[in-house]
Amino acid sequence: MRVLGLDPGSRRTGFGVVERSGNHYRCLDHGHVSPAAGLGLPARLHAIAVRAGEVMDRYAPDCVVVEEAFYCQSVRSTLVLGHVRGALLVAAVQRGLAVAEYSPREIKLSVAGTGAATKDQVGFMVRRLLALRGTLQVDAADALAAALCHLHRARRAAPARAASAAGERLAALLARRAR
């Protein structure tokens, strides 16, 4: 399974592509999109959506994970973050990709074991889980963490879905026999 994680931001949006094969996680790419500083919001949104779309087209992920919005210190920042999220969601849906959303707390908990993890702790665990060397840009680390969160959750949900399907088949079989 291949997942593209996105950490939305109007000045810098992080991205990270992670692939899971069995128990092995591999980082295919990571980085950030930084539109020119002098651009207005509409032009920045366009630049972010175009670049994120290029990453989606290049790696053809099974799912795109976008970090949920959280209340920032200012209402304006929260609204701008919502605009960026919207542009990213549209780019994914235009390509027919599945979309998942997790709160920052859920992502931190999944990767670092605590929902109150610091940026440094998240970055450390992402480098460790993906065997990455050197420094990792903060926004890219957050995006990779979002992708890992989804892969962890998908892995836990698969046995439950299989058990549920098996239970439904058994119930149908017993119902047929009871007739």
C-alpha atoms as a PDB file:
ATOM      1  CA  MET A   1       0.000   0.000   0.000  1.00  0.00           C
ATOM      2  CA  ARG A   2       1.261   3.461  -0.929  1.00  0.00           C
ATOM      3  CA  VAL A   3       0.182   6.576   0.967  1.00  0.00           C
ATOM      4  CA  LEU A   4       0.835  10.262   0.393  1.00  0.00           C
ATOM      5  CA  GLY A   5       0.807  12.295   3.592  1.00  0.00           C
ATOM      6  CA  LEU A   6       0.239  16.049   3.425  1.00  0.00           C
ATOM      7  CA  ASP A   7       0.890  18.609   6.153  1.00  0.00           C
ATOM      8  CA  PRO A   8      -0.967  21.720   4.966  1.00  0.00           C
ATOM      9  CA  GLY A   9       0.443  25.189   5.354  1.00  0.00           C
ATOM     10  CA  SER A  10       0.084  28.334   3.259  1.00  0.00           C
ATOM     11  CA  ARG A  11       3.781  29.179   3.407  1.00  0.00           C
ATOM     12  CA  ARG A  12       5.066  25.614   3.352  1.00  0.00           C
ATOM     13  CA  THR A  13       3.102  22.407   2.774  1.00  0.00           C
ATOM     14  CA  GLY A  14       4.937  19.209   3.606  1.00  0.00           C
ATOM     15  CA  PHE A  15       4.540  15.996   1.665  1.00  0.00           C
ATOM     16  CA  GLY A  16       5.767  12.459   2.172  1.00  0.00           C
ATOM     17  CA  VAL A  17       5.165   9.246   0.247  1.00  0.00           C
ATOM     18  CA  VAL A  18       5.410   5.991   2.204  1.00  0.00           C
ATOM     19  CA  GLU A  19       4.981   2.479   0.898  1.00  0.00           C
ATOM     20  CA  ARG A  20       4.260  -0.560   3.040  1.00  0.00           C
ATOM     21  CA  SER A  21       5.150  -4.031   1.927  1.00  0.00           C
ATOM     22  CA  GLY A  22       4.427  -6.604   4.625  1.00  0.00           C
ATOM     23  CA  ASN A  23       6.070  -5.270   7.778  1.00  0.00           C
ATOM     24  CA  HIS A  24       8.470  -3.013   5.899  1.00  0.00           C
ATOM     25  CA  TYR A  25       7.906   0.739   5.463  1.00  0.00           C
ATOM     26  CA  ARG A  26       9.837   2.634   2.810  1.00  0.00           C
ATOM     27  CA  CYS A  27       9.948   6.358   2.147  1.00  0.00           C
ATOM     28  CA  LEU A  28       9.707   6.992  -1.595  1.00  0.00           C
ATOM     29  CA  ASP A  29       9.909  10.775  -1.447  1.00  0.00           C
ATOM     30  CA  HIS A  30       9.468  13.713   0.903  1.00  0.00           C
ATOM     31  CA  GLY A  31       9.783  17.445   0.842  1.00  0.00           C
ATOM     32  CA  HIS A  32       7.735  20.587   0.914  1.00  0.00           C
ATOM     33  CA  VAL A  33       6.008  23.017  -1.396  1.00  0.00           C
ATOM     34  CA  SER A  34       6.944  26.642  -0.768  1.00  0.00           C
ATOM     35  CA  PRO A  35       5.156  29.103  -3.042  1.00  0.00           C
ATOM     36  CA  ALA A  36       6.916  32.404  -3.658  1.00  0.00           C
ATOM     37  CA  ALA A  37       6.570  34.720  -0.663  1.00  0.00           C
ATOM     38  CA  GLY A  38       5.171  37.626  -2.672  1.00  0.00           C
ATOM     39  CA  LEU A  39       2.194  35.689  -4.027  1.00  0.00           C
ATOM     40  CA  GLY A  40      -1.319  36.388  -2.827  1.00  0.00           C
ATOM     41  CA  LEU A  41      -3.372  33.630  -1.222  1.00  0.00           C
ATOM     42  CA  PRO A  42      -5.148  32.482  -4.417  1.00  0.00           C
ATOM     43  CA  ALA A  43      -1.848  32.127  -6.278  1.00  0.00           C
ATOM     44  CA  ARG A  44      -0.248  30.305  -3.317  1.00  0.00           C
ATOM     45  CA  LEU A  45      -3.204  27.897  -3.145  1.00  0.00           C
ATOM     46  CA  HIS A  46      -2.872  27.232  -6.861  1.00  0.00           C
ATOM     47  CA  ALA A  47       0.875  26.609  -6.603  1.00  0.00           C
ATOM     48  CA  ILE A  48       0.380  24.220  -3.670  1.00  0.00           C
ATOM     49  CA  ALA A  49      -2.426  22.314  -5.419  1.00  0.00           C
ATOM     50  CA  VAL A  50      -0.444  22.015  -8.669  1.00  0.00           C
ATOM     51  CA  ARG A  51       2.711  20.721  -6.963  1.00  0.00           C
ATOM     52  CA  ALA A  52       0.773  18.323  -4.713  1.00  0.00           C
ATOM     53  CA  GLY A  53      -1.079  17.108  -7.816  1.00  0.00           C
ATOM     54  CA  GLU A  54       2.251  16.427  -9.526  1.00  0.00           C
ATOM     55  CA  VAL A  55       3.334  14.302  -6.563  1.00  0.00           C
ATOM     56  CA  MET A  56      -0.003  12.445  -6.695  1.00  0.00           C
ATOM     57  CA  ASP A  57       0.411  11.831 -10.428  1.00  0.00           C
ATOM     58  CA  ARG A  58       4.013  10.673 -10.051  1.00  0.00           C
ATOM     59  CA  TYR A  59       3.487   8.207  -7.194  1.00  0.00           C
ATOM     60  CA  ALA A  60      -0.168   7.171  -7.712  1.00  0.00           C
ATOM     61  CA  PRO A  61      -0.888   6.628  -4.000  1.00  0.00           C
ATOM     62  CA  ASP A  62      -3.673   4.353  -2.805  1.00  0.00           C
ATOM     63  CA  CYS A  63      -4.682   7.042  -0.338  1.00  0.00           C
ATOM     64  CA  VAL A  64      -3.936  10.694   0.400  1.00  0.00           C
ATOM     65  CA  VAL A  65      -3.837  11.678   4.067  1.00  0.00           C
ATOM     66  CA  VAL A  66      -4.408  15.321   4.960  1.00  0.00           C
ATOM     67  CA  GLU A  67      -3.893  16.505   8.509  1.00  0.00           C
ATOM     68  CA  GLU A  68      -7.125  17.919   9.946  1.00  0.00           C
ATOM     69  CA  ALA A  69      -7.367  21.606  10.698  1.00  0.00           C
ATOM     70  CA  PHE A  70      -6.815  22.750  14.224  1.00  0.00           C
ATOM     71  CA  TYR A  71      -7.517  26.083  15.821  1.00  0.00           C
ATOM     72  CA  CYS A  72      -4.497  28.346  15.451  1.00  0.00           C
ATOM     73  CA  GLN A  73      -3.695  31.367  17.552  1.00  0.00           C
ATOM     74  CA  SER A  74      -5.574  33.594  15.129  1.00  0.00           C
ATOM     75  CA  VAL A  75      -8.856  33.064  13.327  1.00  0.00           C
ATOM     76  CA  ARG A  76      -7.262  34.246  10.071  1.00  0.00           C
ATOM     77  CA  SER A  77      -4.545  31.579  10.284  1.00  0.00           C
ATOM     78  CA  THR A  78      -7.184  28.928  10.882  1.00  0.00           C
ATOM     79  CA  LEU A  79      -9.189  30.094   7.866  1.00  0.00           C
ATOM     80  CA  VAL A  80      -6.120  30.167   5.614  1.00  0.00           C
ATOM     81  CA  LEU A  81      -5.193  26.652   6.762  1.00  0.00           C
ATOM     82  CA  GLY A  82      -8.728  25.575   5.844  1.00  0.00           C
ATOM     83  CA  HIS A  83      -8.267  27.012   2.348  1.00  0.00           C
ATOM     84  CA  VAL A  84      -5.021  25.069   1.887  1.00  0.00           C
ATOM     85  CA  ARG A  85      -6.673  21.863   3.088  1.00  0.00           C
ATOM     86  CA  GLY A  86      -9.518  22.451   0.635  1.00  0.00           C
ATOM     87  CA  ALA A  87      -7.121  22.887  -2.284  1.00  0.00           C
ATOM     88  CA  LEU A  88      -5.318  19.663  -1.341  1.00  0.00           C
ATOM     89  CA  LEU A  89      -8.575  17.736  -0.965  1.00  0.00           C
ATOM     90  CA  VAL A  90      -9.780  18.938  -4.368  1.00  0.00           C
ATOM     91  CA  ALA A  91      -6.487  17.901  -5.994  1.00  0.00           C
ATOM     92  CA  ALA A  92      -6.868  14.376  -4.549  1.00  0.00           C
ATOM     93  CA  VAL A  93     -10.557  13.998  -5.405  1.00  0.00           C
ATOM     94  CA  GLN A  94      -9.958  15.239  -8.983  1.00  0.00           C
ATOM     95  CA  ARG A  95      -7.630  12.267  -9.405  1.00  0.00           C
ATOM     96  CA  GLY A  96     -10.102   9.801  -7.913  1.00  0.00           C
ATOM     97  CA  LEU A  97      -7.888   9.116  -4.895  1.00  0.00           C
ATOM     98  CA  ALA A  98      -9.175   7.984  -1.515  1.00  0.00           C
ATOM     99  CA  VAL A  99      -8.742  10.610   1.200  1.00  0.00           C
ATOM    100  CA  ALA A 100      -8.242  10.117   4.934  1.00  0.00           C
ATOM    101  CA  GLU A 101      -7.973  12.793   7.606  1.00  0.00           C
ATOM    102  CA  TYR A 102      -6.451  12.562  11.071  1.00  0.00           C
ATOM    103  CA  SER A 103      -6.025  15.127  13.812  1.00  0.00           C
ATOM    104  CA  PRO A 104      -2.501  16.221  14.746  1.00  0.00           C
ATOM    105  CA  ARG A 105      -2.995  14.441  18.093  1.00  0.00           C
ATOM    106  CA  GLU A 106      -3.938  11.133  16.409  1.00  0.00           C
ATOM    107  CA  ILE A 107      -0.899  11.344  14.134  1.00  0.00           C
ATOM    108  CA  LYS A 108       1.492  12.055  17.011  1.00  0.00           C
ATOM    109  CA  LEU A 109      -0.008   9.251  19.083  1.00  0.00           C
ATOM    110  CA  SER A 110       0.337   6.767  16.231  1.00  0.00           C
ATOM    111  CA  VAL A 111       3.959   7.611  15.480  1.00  0.00           C
ATOM    112  CA  ALA A 112       5.448   8.735  18.806  1.00  0.00           C
ATOM    113  CA  GLY A 113       3.183   6.979  21.306  1.00  0.00           C
ATOM    114  CA  THR A 114       1.816  10.198  22.786  1.00  0.00           C
ATOM    115  CA  GLY A 115      -0.568  12.767  21.371  1.00  0.00           C
ATOM    116  CA  ALA A 116       1.468  15.492  23.067  1.00  0.00           C
ATOM    117  CA  ALA A 117       4.735  14.663  21.250  1.00  0.00           C
ATOM    118  CA  THR A 118       6.928  17.580  20.216  1.00  0.00           C
ATOM    119  CA  LYS A 119       7.970  18.253  16.629  1.00  0.00           C
ATOM    120  CA  ASP A 120      11.444  16.918  17.475  1.00  0.00           C
ATOM    121  CA  GLN A 121      10.008  13.680  18.888  1.00  0.00           C
ATOM    122  CA  VAL A 122       7.836  13.157  15.801  1.00  0.00           C
ATOM    123  CA  GLY A 123      10.790  13.822  13.504  1.00  0.00           C
ATOM    124  CA  PHE A 124      12.982  11.417  15.471  1.00  0.00           C
ATOM    125  CA  MET A 125      10.407   8.612  15.304  1.00  0.00           C
ATOM    126  CA  VAL A 126       9.720   9.176  11.599  1.00  0.00           C
ATOM    127  CA  ARG A 127      13.457   8.959  10.831  1.00  0.00           C
ATOM    128  CA  ARG A 128      13.668   5.821  12.948  1.00  0.00           C
ATOM    129  CA  LEU A 129      10.592   4.079  11.479  1.00  0.00           C
ATOM    130  CA  LEU A 130      11.659   4.838   7.911  1.00  0.00           C
ATOM    131  CA  ALA A 131      15.415   4.394   8.469  1.00  0.00           C
ATOM    132  CA  LEU A 132      16.120   7.904   7.181  1.00  0.00           C
ATOM    133  CA  ARG A 133      19.490   9.468   7.822  1.00  0.00           C
ATOM    134  CA  GLY A 134      20.330  13.092   8.317  1.00  0.00           C
ATOM    135  CA  THR A 135      18.012  15.959   9.066  1.00  0.00           C
ATOM    136  CA  LEU A 136      14.402  15.936   8.035  1.00  0.00           C
ATOM    137  CA  GLN A 137      12.517  19.156   7.342  1.00  0.00           C
ATOM    138  CA  VAL A 138       9.730  19.607   9.944  1.00  0.00           C
ATOM    139  CA  ASP A 139       6.835  19.843   7.470  1.00  0.00           C
ATOM    140  CA  ALA A 140       8.043  16.766   5.581  1.00  0.00           C
ATOM    141  CA  ALA A 141       8.389  14.863   8.877  1.00  0.00           C
ATOM    142  CA  ASP A 142       4.797  15.763   9.789  1.00  0.00           C
ATOM    143  CA  ALA A 143       3.577  14.637   6.351  1.00  0.00           C
ATOM    144  CA  LEU A 144       5.466  11.333   6.637  1.00  0.00           C
ATOM    145  CA  ALA A 145       3.996  10.892  10.123  1.00  0.00           C
ATOM    146  CA  ALA A 146       0.483  11.348   8.678  1.00  0.00           C
ATOM    147  CA  ALA A 147       1.175   8.668   6.065  1.00  0.00           C
ATOM    148  CA  LEU A 148       2.547   6.302   8.723  1.00  0.00           C
ATOM    149  CA  CYS A 149      -0.499   6.940  10.914  1.00  0.00           C
ATOM    150  CA  HIS A 150      -2.796   5.844   8.107  1.00  0.00           C
ATOM    151  CA  LEU A 151      -0.697   2.759   7.353  1.00  0.00           C
ATOM    152  CA  HIS A 152      -0.754   1.761  11.036  1.00  0.00           C
ATOM    153  CA  ARG A 153      -4.518   2.215  11.220  1.00  0.00           C
ATOM    154  CA  ALA A 154      -5.150   0.411   7.934  1.00  0.00           C
ATOM    155  CA  ARG A 155      -3.067  -2.515   9.152  1.00  0.00           C
ATOM    156  CA  ARG A 156      -5.101  -2.794  12.376  1.00  0.00           C
ATOM    157  CA  ALA A 157      -8.423  -2.348  10.595  1.00  0.00           C
ATOM    158  CA  ALA A 158      -7.806  -5.072   7.971  1.00  0.00           C
ATOM    159  CA  PRO A 159      -8.106  -8.031  10.401  1.00  0.00           C
ATOM    160  CA  ALA A 160     -11.236  -6.511  11.936  1.00  0.00           C
ATOM    161  CA  ARG A 161     -12.809  -6.090   8.487  1.00  0.00           C
ATOM    162  CA  ALA A 162     -11.866  -9.689   7.598  1.00  0.00           C
ATOM    163  CA  ALA A 163     -13.315 -11.011  10.864  1.00  0.00           C
ATOM    164  CA  SER A 164     -16.489  -8.999  10.332  1.00  0.00           C
ATOM    165  CA  ALA A 165     -16.867 -10.329   6.782  1.00  0.00           C
ATOM    166  CA  ALA A 166     -16.257 -13.889   7.984  1.00  0.00           C
ATOM    167  CA  GLY A 167     -18.861 -13.407  10.708  1.00  0.00           C
ATOM    168  CA  GLU A 168     -21.374 -12.157   8.148  1.00  0.00           C
ATOM    169  CA  ARG A 169     -20.711 -15.174   5.898  1.00  0.00           C
ATOM    170  CA  LEU A 170     -21.140 -17.533   8.852  1.00  0.00           C
ATOM    171  CA  ALA A 171     -24.398 -15.845   9.899  1.00  0.00           C
ATOM    172  CA  ALA A 172     -25.731 -16.136   6.320  1.00  0.00           C
ATOM    173  CA  LEU A 173     -24.745 -19.816   6.179  1.00  0.00           C
ATOM    174  CA  LEU A 174     -26.451 -20.554   9.500  1.00  0.00           C
ATOM    175  CA  ALA A 175     -29.555 -18.650   8.413  1.00  0.00           C
ATOM    176  CA  ARG A 176     -29.741 -20.732   5.216  1.00  0.00           C
ATOM    177  CA  ARG A 177     -29.360 -23.969   7.166  1.00  0.00           C
ATOM    178  CA  ALA A 178     -32.085 -22.942   9.618  1.00  0.00           C
ATOM    179  CA  ARG A 179     -34.614 -22.668   6.776  1.00  0.00           C
END
